Amino acid sequence: MGSGPDRTALAAVHALDQALAAAVEAALSADPTDRPADGAALVDLLTSHGRADHEPTLVDTVREEITRGWRTLTL
């Protein structure tokens, strides 16, 4: 099992953007059950989709395109 993300690098990302740091930490978790389940879940983490303060943006359009592509790949 890996050791997870480098703490120094994660601290640097955290100083820039706490939400991004949380997404990076989850995506690089040493425990596979803590990682996003698929590409759509990773996009949700990276775009803060689902948070109460989320407002639709161009990123939502990109998320929808990625989700459609992901579903196409699984068929």
C-alpha atoms as a PDB file:
ATOM      1  CA  MET A   1       0.000   0.000   0.000  1.00  0.00           C
ATOM      2  CA  GLY A   2       1.277   3.502  -0.872  1.00  0.00           C
ATOM      3  CA  SER A   3       1.816   6.317   1.554  1.00  0.00           C
ATOM      4  CA  GLY A   4      -0.600   8.815   0.026  1.00  0.00           C
ATOM      5  CA  PRO A   5       0.189  12.295  -1.263  1.00  0.00           C
ATOM      6  CA  ASP A   6       3.424  14.055  -0.342  1.00  0.00           C
ATOM      7  CA  ARG A   7       2.599  16.178   2.724  1.00  0.00           C
ATOM      8  CA  THR A   8       4.833  19.090   1.665  1.00  0.00           C
ATOM      9  CA  ALA A   9       3.260  19.293  -1.781  1.00  0.00           C
ATOM     10  CA  LEU A  10      -0.221  18.944  -0.308  1.00  0.00           C
ATOM     11  CA  ALA A  11       0.498  21.787   2.137  1.00  0.00           C
ATOM     12  CA  ALA A  12       1.510  23.983  -0.820  1.00  0.00           C
ATOM     13  CA  VAL A  13      -1.743  23.186  -2.629  1.00  0.00           C
ATOM     14  CA  HIS A  14      -3.688  23.763   0.595  1.00  0.00           C
ATOM     15  CA  ALA A  15      -2.162  27.239   0.889  1.00  0.00           C
ATOM     16  CA  LEU A  16      -3.466  28.038  -2.598  1.00  0.00           C
ATOM     17  CA  ASP A  17      -6.904  26.429  -2.448  1.00  0.00           C
ATOM     18  CA  GLN A  18      -8.337  24.337   0.383  1.00  0.00           C
ATOM     19  CA  ALA A  19     -11.034  22.685  -1.746  1.00  0.00           C
ATOM     20  CA  LEU A  20      -8.485  21.679  -4.377  1.00  0.00           C
ATOM     21  CA  ALA A  21      -6.207  20.288  -1.659  1.00  0.00           C
ATOM     22  CA  ALA A  22      -9.078  18.176  -0.311  1.00  0.00           C
ATOM     23  CA  ALA A  23      -9.791  16.817  -3.798  1.00  0.00           C
ATOM     24  CA  VAL A  24      -6.115  16.049  -4.420  1.00  0.00           C
ATOM     25  CA  GLU A  25      -5.788  14.323  -1.060  1.00  0.00           C
ATOM     26  CA  ALA A  26      -8.850  12.176  -1.735  1.00  0.00           C
ATOM     27  CA  ALA A  27      -7.728  11.295  -5.266  1.00  0.00           C
ATOM     28  CA  LEU A  28      -4.258  10.277  -4.077  1.00  0.00           C
ATOM     29  CA  SER A  29      -5.323   8.529  -0.886  1.00  0.00           C
ATOM     30  CA  ALA A  30      -3.340   5.432   0.038  1.00  0.00           C
ATOM     31  CA  ASP A  31      -6.647   3.738   0.852  1.00  0.00           C
ATOM     32  CA  PRO A  32      -8.508   2.952  -2.395  1.00  0.00           C
ATOM     33  CA  THR A  33     -11.876   3.181  -0.638  1.00  0.00           C
ATOM     34  CA  ASP A  34     -11.200   6.865   0.108  1.00  0.00           C
ATOM     35  CA  ARG A  35     -10.572   7.691  -3.577  1.00  0.00           C
ATOM     36  CA  PRO A  36     -13.271   8.920  -5.995  1.00  0.00           C
ATOM     37  CA  ALA A  37     -15.141   5.946  -7.451  1.00  0.00           C
ATOM     38  CA  ASP A  38     -14.786   7.099 -11.055  1.00  0.00           C
ATOM     39  CA  GLY A  39     -14.032  10.053 -13.305  1.00  0.00           C
ATOM     40  CA  ALA A  40     -17.388  11.698 -12.641  1.00  0.00           C
ATOM     41  CA  ALA A  41     -16.786  11.566  -8.882  1.00  0.00           C
ATOM     42  CA  LEU A  42     -13.338  13.124  -9.389  1.00  0.00           C
ATOM     43  CA  VAL A  43     -14.848  15.919 -11.487  1.00  0.00           C
ATOM     44  CA  ASP A  44     -17.396  16.526  -8.709  1.00  0.00           C
ATOM     45  CA  LEU A  45     -14.565  16.861  -6.209  1.00  0.00           C
ATOM     46  CA  LEU A  46     -12.588  19.201  -8.433  1.00  0.00           C
ATOM     47  CA  THR A  47     -15.541  21.444  -9.229  1.00  0.00           C
ATOM     48  CA  SER A  48     -17.177  21.492  -5.778  1.00  0.00           C
ATOM     49  CA  HIS A  49     -20.366  20.215  -7.408  1.00  0.00           C
ATOM     50  CA  GLY A  50     -22.967  19.375  -4.821  1.00  0.00           C
ATOM     51  CA  ARG A  51     -21.856  21.950  -2.258  1.00  0.00           C
ATOM     52  CA  ALA A  52     -24.528  24.325  -0.989  1.00  0.00           C
ATOM     53  CA  ASP A  53     -22.633  27.356  -2.304  1.00  0.00           C
ATOM     54  CA  HIS A  54     -22.104  25.898  -5.783  1.00  0.00           C
ATOM     55  CA  GLU A  55     -23.406  27.993  -8.654  1.00  0.00           C
ATOM     56  CA  PRO A  56     -23.600  26.544 -12.190  1.00  0.00           C
ATOM     57  CA  THR A  57     -20.677  27.552 -14.397  1.00  0.00           C
ATOM     58  CA  LEU A  58     -19.009  26.532 -17.636  1.00  0.00           C
ATOM     59  CA  VAL A  59     -17.395  23.791 -15.558  1.00  0.00           C
ATOM     60  CA  ASP A  60     -20.851  22.216 -15.211  1.00  0.00           C
ATOM     61  CA  THR A  61     -21.023  21.927 -18.996  1.00  0.00           C
ATOM     62  CA  VAL A  62     -17.606  20.267 -19.055  1.00  0.00           C
ATOM     63  CA  ARG A  63     -18.699  17.912 -16.252  1.00  0.00           C
ATOM     64  CA  GLU A  64     -21.741  16.873 -18.266  1.00  0.00           C
ATOM     65  CA  GLU A  65     -19.589  16.163 -21.335  1.00  0.00           C
ATOM     66  CA  ILE A  66     -17.176  14.074 -19.267  1.00  0.00           C
ATOM     67  CA  THR A  67     -20.055  12.203 -17.658  1.00  0.00           C
ATOM     68  CA  ARG A  68     -21.619  11.420 -21.051  1.00  0.00           C
ATOM     69  CA  GLY A  69     -18.231  10.216 -22.310  1.00  0.00           C
ATOM     70  CA  TRP A  70     -17.703   8.108 -19.192  1.00  0.00           C
ATOM     71  CA  ARG A  71     -21.100   6.456 -19.625  1.00  0.00           C
ATOM     72  CA  THR A  72     -20.313   5.755 -23.283  1.00  0.00           C
ATOM     73  CA  LEU A  73     -17.088   4.012 -22.271  1.00  0.00           C
ATOM     74  CA  THR A  74     -18.898   1.738 -19.812  1.00  0.00           C
ATOM     75  CA  LEU A  75     -21.502   0.530 -22.319  1.00  0.00           C
END
